[in-house]
Protein backbone atom coordinates (compact mmCIF):
# COMPACT_ATOMS: atom_id res chain seq x y z
CA UNK A 1 2.61 28.65 -5.71
CA UNK A 2 0.95 25.92 -7.78
CA UNK A 3 -1.13 23.87 -5.33
CA UNK A 4 -4.31 22.84 -7.19
CA UNK A 5 -5.27 20.04 -4.77
CA UNK A 6 -4.91 22.26 -1.72
CA UNK A 7 -6.73 25.07 -3.49
CA UNK A 8 -9.71 22.89 -4.43
CA UNK A 9 -10.00 21.39 -0.94
CA UNK A 10 -9.97 24.86 0.59
CA UNK A 11 -12.61 25.94 -1.90
CA UNK A 12 -14.93 23.15 -0.72
CA UNK A 13 -14.29 24.09 2.91
CA UNK A 14 -14.96 27.78 2.17
CA UNK A 15 -18.32 26.84 0.61
CA UNK A 16 -19.14 24.82 3.74
CA UNK A 17 -19.61 21.70 1.64
CA UNK A 18 -21.85 19.16 3.37
CA UNK A 19 -20.80 15.53 3.14
CA UNK A 20 -23.27 12.77 2.35
CA UNK A 21 -20.38 10.62 1.15
CA UNK A 22 -17.44 8.74 2.63
CA UNK A 23 -15.27 9.03 4.71
CA UNK A 24 -17.36 8.46 7.82
CA UNK A 25 -16.00 11.43 9.75
CA UNK A 26 -17.96 13.69 7.33
CA UNK A 27 -15.44 16.50 7.01
CA UNK A 28 -14.31 16.01 10.62
CA UNK A 29 -17.79 16.57 12.08
CA UNK A 30 -18.44 13.01 13.32
CA UNK A 31 -16.47 11.07 15.90
CA UNK A 32 -13.41 11.99 17.91
CA UNK A 33 -10.70 12.74 15.37
CA UNK A 34 -10.21 16.10 17.07
CA UNK A 35 -8.05 14.08 19.48
CA UNK A 36 -5.53 13.64 16.68
CA UNK A 37 -2.68 16.12 16.39
CA UNK A 38 -0.44 16.58 13.36
CA UNK A 39 2.48 16.21 15.77
CA UNK A 40 1.47 12.53 16.02
CA UNK A 41 2.84 11.93 12.52
CA UNK A 42 5.84 10.04 13.84
CA UNK A 43 7.83 6.92 12.96
CA UNK A 44 8.98 3.73 14.71
CA UNK A 45 11.00 5.39 17.45
CA UNK A 46 11.45 3.74 20.85
CA UNK A 47 8.07 3.05 22.41
CA UNK A 48 5.98 3.31 19.23
CA UNK A 49 6.23 -0.38 18.22
CA UNK A 50 6.25 -1.60 14.57
CA UNK A 51 3.14 -2.47 12.54
CA UNK A 52 5.14 -5.13 10.66
CA UNK A 53 6.32 -6.76 13.90
CA UNK A 54 3.86 -5.63 16.57
CA UNK A 55 4.81 -6.49 20.15
CA UNK A 56 3.74 -3.51 22.25
CA UNK A 57 1.22 -0.68 21.75
CA UNK A 58 0.19 -1.63 18.19
CA UNK A 59 -0.37 -5.25 19.22
CA UNK A 60 -2.39 -4.08 22.23
CA UNK A 61 -4.46 -1.77 20.03
CA UNK A 62 -5.18 -4.48 17.46
CA UNK A 63 -6.18 -6.92 20.22
CA UNK A 64 -8.71 -4.35 21.44
CA UNK A 65 -10.47 -4.52 18.04
CA UNK A 66 -12.41 -7.51 19.29
CA UNK A 67 -15.58 -7.57 17.24
CA UNK A 68 -15.85 -11.35 17.44
CA UNK A 69 -13.95 -13.87 19.62
CA UNK A 70 -13.14 -16.11 16.64
CA UNK A 71 -11.19 -13.39 14.79
CA UNK A 72 -7.93 -11.54 15.12
CA UNK A 73 -7.79 -7.99 13.76
CA UNK A 74 -4.97 -6.54 11.67
CA UNK A 75 -4.76 -2.83 11.01
CA UNK A 76 -4.45 -1.78 7.37
CA UNK A 77 -2.92 1.60 6.61
CA UNK A 78 -3.05 1.15 2.83
CA UNK A 79 -6.79 0.65 2.77
CA UNK A 80 -8.90 -2.44 2.22
CA UNK A 81 -7.10 -3.03 -1.07
CA UNK A 82 -3.95 -4.11 0.79
CA UNK A 83 -5.92 -6.73 2.72
CA UNK A 84 -7.57 -8.07 -0.42
CA UNK A 85 -4.25 -8.31 -2.28
CA UNK A 86 -2.63 -10.10 0.65
CA UNK A 87 -5.31 -12.78 0.90
CA UNK A 88 -5.36 -13.40 -2.87
CA UNK A 89 -1.58 -13.64 -3.07
CA UNK A 90 -1.41 -16.02 -0.10
CA UNK A 91 -3.62 -18.52 -1.93
CA UNK A 92 -1.60 -18.33 -5.16
CA UNK A 93 0.56 -21.28 -4.07
CA UNK A 94 -2.49 -23.60 -4.05
CA UNK A 95 -3.77 -25.33 -7.16
CA UNK A 96 -7.16 -24.35 -8.55
CA UNK A 97 -8.99 -21.27 -9.73
CA UNK A 98 -10.29 -18.41 -7.67
CA UNK A 99 -14.09 -18.03 -7.48
CA UNK A 100 -15.41 -14.46 -7.56
CA UNK A 101 -18.62 -12.48 -7.69
CA UNK A 102 -18.93 -10.37 -10.81
CA UNK A 103 -19.33 -7.27 -8.62
CA UNK A 104 -16.00 -7.53 -6.81
CA UNK A 105 -13.96 -4.36 -6.56
CA UNK A 106 -11.27 -3.71 -9.15
CA UNK A 107 -8.62 -4.48 -6.50
CA UNK A 108 -9.68 -8.14 -6.67
CA UNK A 109 -8.94 -8.24 -10.40
CA UNK A 110 -5.63 -6.49 -9.76
CA UNK A 111 -4.77 -9.15 -7.18
CA UNK A 112 -5.65 -11.94 -9.61
CA UNK A 113 -3.59 -10.22 -12.30
CA UNK A 114 -0.58 -10.35 -9.99
CA UNK A 115 -0.98 -14.10 -9.52
CA UNK A 116 -1.46 -14.70 -13.27
CA UNK A 117 -4.02 -17.38 -12.35
CA UNK A 118 -7.58 -17.82 -13.54
CA UNK A 119 -10.80 -16.91 -11.75
CA UNK A 120 -14.25 -18.40 -12.25
CA UNK A 121 -16.95 -15.71 -12.25
CA UNK A 122 -20.18 -16.63 -10.50
CA UNK A 123 -23.54 -15.82 -12.09
CA UNK A 124 -25.19 -12.82 -10.45
CA UNK A 125 -28.55 -11.61 -9.25
CA UNK A 126 -29.74 -8.04 -9.86
CA UNK A 127 -31.52 -5.98 -7.22
CA UNK A 128 -35.08 -4.90 -8.00
CA UNK A 129 -34.46 -1.77 -5.91
CA UNK A 130 -31.13 -0.38 -7.11
CA UNK A 131 -30.93 -2.29 -10.43
CA UNK A 132 -27.34 -3.13 -9.49
CA UNK A 133 -25.60 -6.40 -8.63
CA UNK A 134 -26.66 -7.66 -5.22
CA UNK A 135 -25.49 -11.26 -4.80
CA UNK A 136 -23.92 -14.26 -6.52
CA UNK A 137 -26.44 -16.87 -7.61
CA UNK A 138 -24.95 -19.88 -5.86
CA UNK A 139 -27.77 -22.11 -7.04
CA UNK A 140 -26.38 -21.74 -10.57
CA UNK A 141 -22.67 -21.55 -9.73
CA UNK A 142 -20.25 -24.26 -10.78
CA UNK A 143 -18.04 -25.58 -7.97
CA UNK A 144 -14.87 -27.25 -9.18
CA UNK A 145 -12.30 -27.36 -6.36
CA UNK A 146 -11.76 -23.61 -6.37
CA UNK A 147 -9.22 -22.51 -3.77
CA UNK A 148 -10.75 -19.22 -2.59
CA UNK A 149 -14.11 -17.49 -3.03
CA UNK A 150 -14.39 -13.69 -2.91
CA UNK A 151 -17.74 -11.93 -2.42
CA UNK A 152 -18.83 -8.34 -1.88
CA UNK A 153 -21.20 -7.81 1.07
CA UNK A 154 -23.02 -5.47 1.29
CA UNK A 155 -23.07 -4.02 -2.21
CA UNK A 156 -22.09 -0.38 -2.65
CA UNK A 157 -25.73 0.64 -2.32
CA UNK A 158 -26.21 -0.85 1.14
CA UNK A 159 -28.13 -3.92 -0.02
CA UNK A 160 -27.51 -7.27 1.65
CA UNK A 161 -28.12 -10.91 0.88
CA UNK A 162 -28.10 -14.09 2.98
CA UNK A 163 -24.38 -14.10 3.69
CA UNK A 164 -24.75 -16.96 6.18
CA UNK A 165 -26.22 -19.28 3.56
CA UNK A 166 -23.59 -18.22 1.02
CA UNK A 167 -20.64 -18.90 3.34
CA UNK A 168 -22.12 -22.23 4.45
CA UNK A 169 -22.64 -23.30 0.83
CA UNK A 170 -19.07 -22.49 -0.10
CA UNK A 171 -17.69 -24.19 2.99
CA UNK A 172 -19.71 -27.31 2.12
CA UNK A 173 -17.63 -27.40 -1.07
CA UNK A 174 -14.42 -26.89 0.96
CA UNK A 175 -13.89 -23.40 -0.46
CA UNK A 176 -12.50 -20.77 1.94
CA UNK A 177 -14.21 -17.38 1.78
CA UNK A 178 -12.96 -13.79 1.72
CA UNK A 179 -15.77 -11.28 2.26
CA UNK A 180 -15.12 -7.73 1.09
CA UNK A 181 -17.21 -5.95 3.72
CA UNK A 182 -15.74 -2.57 2.87
CA UNK A 183 -19.02 -0.78 3.47
CA UNK A 184 -19.96 -2.71 6.61
CA UNK A 185 -17.54 -1.54 9.30
CA UNK A 186 -20.58 -0.31 11.28
CA UNK A 187 -22.48 -3.60 10.89
CA UNK A 188 -23.57 -5.32 14.13
CA UNK A 189 -24.60 -2.02 15.69
CA UNK A 190 -28.19 -2.38 16.98
CA UNK A 191 -30.76 -2.18 14.16
CA UNK A 192 -28.07 -2.47 11.47
CA UNK A 193 -27.33 -5.59 9.40
CA UNK A 194 -25.23 -8.45 10.74
CA UNK A 195 -21.58 -8.66 9.75
CA UNK A 196 -19.99 -11.57 7.90
CA UNK A 197 -18.00 -12.01 11.12
CA UNK A 198 -21.12 -13.65 12.52
CA UNK A 199 -21.24 -16.44 9.92
CA UNK A 200 -17.74 -17.87 9.97
CA UNK A 201 -16.18 -16.32 6.86
CA UNK A 202 -12.46 -17.10 6.80
CA UNK A 203 -11.42 -13.53 6.04
CA UNK A 204 -13.43 -10.32 6.40
CA UNK A 205 -12.01 -6.95 5.43
CA UNK A 206 -13.71 -3.71 6.47
CA UNK A 207 -13.00 -0.14 5.34
CA UNK A 208 -13.30 1.62 8.67
CA UNK A 209 -12.87 4.93 6.87
CA UNK A 210 -15.98 4.50 4.73
CA UNK A 211 -18.61 4.53 7.48
CA UNK A 212 -16.77 5.02 10.78
CA UNK A 213 -14.89 8.21 11.72
CA UNK A 214 -11.41 7.18 10.54
CA UNK A 215 -8.88 8.85 8.28
CA UNK A 216 -9.03 7.66 4.68
CA UNK A 217 -7.01 4.45 4.11
CA UNK A 218 -7.75 3.18 7.62
CA UNK A 219 -9.13 -0.39 7.35
CA UNK A 220 -9.06 -3.66 9.27
CA UNK A 221 -8.58 -7.26 8.13
CA UNK A 222 -10.24 -9.87 10.36
CA UNK A 223 -8.76 -13.37 10.17
CA UNK A 224 -10.68 -16.35 11.54
CA UNK A 225 -8.79 -18.51 14.03
CA UNK A 226 -9.20 -21.53 11.73
CA UNK A 227 -8.57 -19.73 8.43
CA UNK A 228 -6.30 -21.55 5.99
CA UNK A 229 -3.10 -19.82 4.81
CA UNK A 230 -3.28 -17.48 7.80
CA UNK A 231 0.48 -17.07 8.25
CA UNK A 232 0.97 -16.49 4.52
CA UNK A 233 -1.67 -13.74 4.55
CA UNK A 234 0.06 -12.04 7.48
CA UNK A 235 3.38 -12.25 5.62
CA UNK A 236 1.91 -10.62 2.52
CA UNK A 237 0.45 -7.79 4.59
CA UNK A 238 4.07 -6.74 4.96
CA UNK A 239 4.47 -6.78 1.18
CA UNK A 240 1.41 -4.76 0.28
CA UNK A 241 1.61 -2.14 3.01
CA UNK A 242 4.06 0.70 3.27
CA UNK A 243 7.17 0.17 5.37
CA UNK A 244 6.45 3.59 6.88
CA UNK A 245 2.91 3.19 8.24
CA UNK A 246 1.07 6.32 9.29
CA UNK A 247 0.60 6.63 13.04
CA UNK A 248 -2.16 9.14 12.36
CA UNK A 249 -4.08 6.52 10.39
CA UNK A 250 -3.47 3.86 13.04
CA UNK A 251 -4.55 6.18 15.83
CA UNK A 252 -7.68 7.10 13.87
CA UNK A 253 -8.59 3.40 13.51
CA UNK A 254 -8.19 3.03 17.27
CA UNK A 255 -10.42 6.05 17.95
CA UNK A 256 -13.02 4.85 15.45
CA UNK A 257 -13.22 1.42 17.02
CA UNK A 258 -13.78 2.99 20.43
CA UNK A 259 -16.50 5.11 18.81
CA UNK A 260 -18.06 1.90 17.45
CA UNK A 261 -18.02 0.20 20.86
CA UNK A 262 -19.58 3.21 22.62
CA UNK A 263 -22.09 4.14 19.93
CA UNK A 264 -25.71 4.88 20.86
CA UNK A 265 -27.84 4.95 17.70
CA UNK A 266 -30.91 6.68 19.19
CA UNK A 267 -30.04 10.10 17.79
CA UNK A 268 -29.11 8.59 14.43
CA UNK A 269 -32.54 7.12 13.79
CA UNK A 270 -34.31 10.28 14.99
CA UNK A 271 -32.33 12.47 12.58
CA UNK A 272 -32.57 9.92 9.79
CA UNK A 273 -36.37 9.84 10.04
CA UNK A 274 -36.55 13.64 9.79
CA UNK A 275 -34.19 13.98 6.84
CA UNK A 276 -36.11 11.30 4.93
CA UNK A 277 -39.34 13.20 5.59
CA UNK A 278 -37.78 16.43 4.29
CA UNK A 279 -36.52 14.70 1.15
CA UNK A 280 -39.97 13.27 0.44
CA UNK A 281 -41.76 16.56 1.12
CA UNK A 282 -39.33 18.31 -1.23
CA UNK A 283 -40.49 15.92 -3.95
CA UNK A 284 -37.88 13.19 -4.10
CA UNK A 285 -38.57 9.49 -4.14
CA UNK A 286 -36.75 7.88 -1.21
CA UNK A 287 -35.74 4.23 -1.37
CA UNK A 288 -34.70 2.56 1.89
CA UNK A 289 -32.27 -0.35 1.70
CA UNK A 290 -31.07 -2.95 4.22
CA UNK A 291 -28.37 -0.66 5.63
CA UNK A 292 -30.03 2.36 7.31
CA UNK A 293 -26.85 4.36 6.65
CA UNK A 294 -27.53 4.30 2.89
CA UNK A 295 -30.44 6.00 1.10
CA UNK A 296 -31.29 6.04 -2.61
CA UNK A 297 -32.86 9.19 -4.06
CA UNK A 298 -34.73 9.46 -7.37
CA UNK A 299 -36.84 11.96 -9.24
CA UNK A 300 -39.33 10.90 -11.97
CA UNK A 301 -37.92 11.08 -15.49
CA UNK A 302 -34.41 12.21 -14.50
CA UNK A 303 -31.16 10.31 -14.15
CA UNK A 304 -29.22 10.17 -10.94
CA UNK A 305 -26.51 12.27 -12.56
CA UNK A 306 -29.04 15.08 -13.09
CA UNK A 307 -30.30 14.80 -9.52
CA UNK A 308 -26.73 14.95 -8.27
CA UNK A 309 -26.22 18.37 -9.88
CA UNK A 310 -29.21 19.74 -7.95
CA UNK A 311 -27.67 18.67 -4.65
CA UNK A 312 -24.24 19.94 -5.57
CA UNK A 313 -25.68 23.33 -6.54
CA UNK A 314 -26.53 23.60 -2.83
CA UNK A 315 -23.01 22.38 -1.92
CA UNK A 316 -24.36 19.02 -0.76
CA UNK A 317 -22.16 16.22 -2.04
CA UNK A 318 -23.66 12.69 -2.43
CA UNK A 319 -21.55 9.54 -2.64
CA UNK A 320 -22.39 8.70 -6.24
CA UNK A 321 -24.92 8.92 -9.02
CA UNK A 322 -25.87 6.42 -11.68
CA UNK A 323 -28.48 6.24 -14.41
CA UNK A 324 -31.24 5.54 -11.88
CA UNK A 325 -30.47 7.32 -8.62
CA UNK A 326 -28.23 9.19 -6.23
CA UNK A 327 -26.70 7.38 -3.28
CA UNK A 328 -26.48 9.21 0.05
CA UNK A 329 -24.27 7.93 2.87
CA UNK A 330 -25.66 9.33 6.09
CA UNK A 331 -23.51 10.25 9.10
CA UNK A 332 -23.54 8.23 12.31
CA UNK A 333 -24.95 11.20 14.21
CA UNK A 334 -24.19 11.28 17.92
CA UNK A 335 -24.32 13.60 20.90
CA UNK A 336 -21.88 16.54 20.60
CA UNK A 337 -21.17 15.96 16.91
CA UNK A 338 -20.62 19.11 14.85
CA UNK A 339 -22.36 17.95 11.68
CA UNK A 340 -24.32 20.85 10.02
CA UNK A 341 -27.64 19.02 10.25
CA UNK A 342 -29.95 22.05 10.36
CA UNK A 343 -28.10 23.63 7.44
CA UNK A 344 -28.46 20.38 5.49
CA UNK A 345 -32.24 20.36 5.94
CA UNK A 346 -32.47 23.99 4.82
CA UNK A 347 -30.37 23.34 1.72
CA UNK A 348 -32.51 20.34 0.76
CA UNK A 349 -35.66 22.42 1.11
CA UNK A 350 -34.05 25.07 -1.10
CA UNK A 351 -33.65 22.68 -4.05
CA UNK A 352 -35.99 23.79 -6.86
CA UNK A 353 -37.18 20.71 -8.67
CA UNK A 354 -38.26 20.79 -12.32
CA UNK A 355 -41.59 19.25 -13.34
CA UNK A 356 -41.48 15.44 -13.31
CA UNK A 357 -41.18 13.68 -16.65
CA UNK A 358 -43.07 10.57 -17.63
CA UNK A 359 -40.54 9.39 -20.21
CA UNK A 360 -37.46 7.59 -19.01
CA UNK A 361 -34.34 6.83 -21.02
CA UNK A 362 -33.83 3.20 -21.95
CA UNK A 363 -31.61 1.35 -19.47
CA UNK A 364 -29.27 -1.44 -20.45
CA UNK A 365 -29.09 -4.58 -18.31
CA UNK A 366 -25.87 -5.57 -16.58
CA UNK A 367 -24.20 -8.83 -17.62
CA UNK A 368 -25.15 -11.57 -15.13
CA UNK A 369 -23.77 -14.71 -16.74
CA UNK A 370 -21.04 -16.85 -15.30
CA UNK A 371 -17.65 -16.75 -16.94
CA UNK A 372 -13.93 -17.06 -16.49
CA UNK A 373 -11.35 -14.33 -16.01
CA UNK A 374 -7.95 -15.07 -17.52
CA UNK A 375 -5.35 -12.47 -16.46
CA UNK A 376 -3.60 -12.50 -19.77
CA UNK A 377 -0.76 -10.08 -20.42
CA UNK A 378 -1.59 -7.73 -23.28
CA UNK A 379 1.66 -6.09 -24.26
CA UNK A 380 0.60 -4.48 -27.53
CA UNK A 381 -2.56 -2.37 -27.64
CA UNK A 382 -4.06 0.63 -29.42
CA UNK A 383 -6.65 3.27 -28.51
CA UNK A 384 -9.58 3.13 -30.96
CA UNK A 385 -12.96 4.82 -31.22
CA UNK A 386 -15.63 2.92 -29.29
CA UNK A 387 -17.77 2.43 -32.39
CA UNK A 388 -14.82 0.87 -34.25
CA UNK A 389 -14.03 -1.65 -31.51
CA UNK A 390 -16.58 -4.38 -32.26
CA UNK A 391 -15.09 -7.90 -32.22
CA UNK A 392 -11.77 -6.60 -30.88
CA UNK A 393 -10.31 -7.77 -27.56
CA UNK A 394 -10.51 -5.31 -24.67
CA UNK A 395 -7.05 -4.48 -23.30
CA UNK A 396 -8.19 -2.58 -20.20
CA UNK A 397 -11.08 -2.99 -17.77
CA UNK A 398 -14.07 -0.66 -18.24
CA UNK A 399 -14.92 0.61 -14.75
CA UNK A 400 -17.71 3.09 -13.93
CA UNK A 401 -16.39 4.97 -10.89
CA UNK A 402 -17.61 5.00 -8.27
CA UNK A 403 -18.19 2.21 -7.30
CA UNK A 404 -15.02 0.91 -9.00
CA UNK A 405 -16.52 -2.38 -10.16
CA UNK A 406 -15.40 -3.48 -13.64
CA UNK A 407 -18.39 -3.84 -15.95
CA UNK A 408 -16.35 -5.29 -18.81
CA UNK A 409 -13.11 -7.15 -18.32
CA UNK A 410 -9.74 -7.04 -19.97
CA UNK A 411 -9.58 -9.95 -22.40
CA UNK A 412 -13.27 -9.93 -23.30
CA UNK A 413 -14.22 -9.69 -26.96
CA UNK A 414 -16.27 -6.56 -27.58
CA UNK A 415 -19.87 -6.96 -28.72
CA UNK A 416 -22.38 -4.47 -30.06
CA UNK A 417 -24.29 -4.59 -26.76
CA UNK A 418 -21.09 -3.74 -24.88
CA UNK A 419 -20.58 -0.72 -27.13
CA UNK A 420 -24.16 0.40 -26.51
CA UNK A 421 -23.66 0.14 -22.76
CA UNK A 422 -20.39 2.10 -22.89
CA UNK A 423 -22.12 4.83 -24.88
CA UNK A 424 -24.96 4.81 -22.39
CA UNK A 425 -22.63 5.34 -19.42
CA UNK A 426 -20.93 8.24 -21.18
CA UNK A 427 -24.27 9.84 -22.10
CA UNK A 428 -25.36 9.67 -18.47
CA UNK A 429 -22.41 11.83 -17.52
CA UNK A 430 -20.63 9.41 -15.19
CA UNK A 431 -16.90 8.82 -14.89
CA UNK A 432 -15.74 5.66 -16.59
CA UNK A 433 -12.19 4.40 -16.17
CA UNK A 434 -10.88 2.79 -19.33
CA UNK A 435 -12.61 5.23 -21.71
CA UNK A 436 -10.59 8.24 -22.83
CA UNK A 437 -12.10 10.80 -25.23
CA UNK A 438 -14.55 8.20 -26.58
CA UNK A 439 -11.71 5.75 -27.15
CA UNK A 440 -10.92 2.40 -25.54
CA UNK A 441 -7.77 0.34 -25.48
CA UNK A 442 -7.89 -2.84 -27.55
CA UNK A 443 -5.40 -5.59 -28.21
CA UNK A 444 -3.42 -5.35 -31.41
CA UNK A 445 -4.28 -8.29 -33.65
């Protein structure tokens, strides 16, 4: 029997792989997903309601997701992407450009591609801690009657910015706001950052599965009571979500929200403090960010990709690595969880670190300038060697993954600096969508 996916997953389970990555249930050790049964994988029979026309149990369940009185919650069984696509498409009937942060997820660009309408790209600020995008620079942004702004908050690395000021600024220019809060489903817990739900964003979408104990693809779209195009967004949710929604995913969202409401974070901060001490005593540099659930790990003179291999040799799997660091996503530890915490500490202590190095490879800065994204259709394209692509037009986004944020956009003309940065990403050992065997897709001219 040829079952490579099943075989690999079983291999990880057999090695007792420890999760410091999403999803938030951490290999079914956090939360209450043990209450799910495979027999619950049913369909819209009598009594089970209909996600696309909820009147009974699904409506009741969504109404119980009451994080803020000004918002209604809509379950997403096709992930946060389906919520993002629905909001973007709903605004396609209005004149004007979209307004986006440069660090939006690739699903935003896909949504704009579907509309075949332009997007203005806001100038960005770079974090001094992670060296990644952290926030749009609204003091330098150009406001010109855009119809919808889309921002990422927090960034993938758990860093936050003044979301209240950003939303207020955009609203002052009569621009509705969609906040991609994919990594903030746990926000508003005591001693965690505040959610964009607290500042009046028109739409907020959260990936429950990333940080709460939910099955993958379980997300929630929150719609403000005064949000424009509300009914159109709801209509498009029916377009971008499967007509056969998973009751297992819906039930897991319900269980995760109850977990959120009942959560006591005392044990989390006790265990977090200890694991950070162990990491530091082992020899790692530990960088704390705004979200206590995220931790950045570095080691002098080595890339994050190299550090990642040391963890994985102990069957500890981080969320991602980049040229600077490894990102760990901690569990929301709680009483009676089954997370292998003691084993994790022992495996960290067992990591044998090489001598630190004083030399560090040159890093290339991310593009921060404002711009415009034109979702042009490129029907004729050719794969060429990266070094032969200068001055050609890129026919496919270049996306380091994770986090799935396009670094160069389809339609951009390729410069020497872009080629250097592509080479740099490949040398660091990361996965880059849009590069295949040192070749990229360019428009035929």
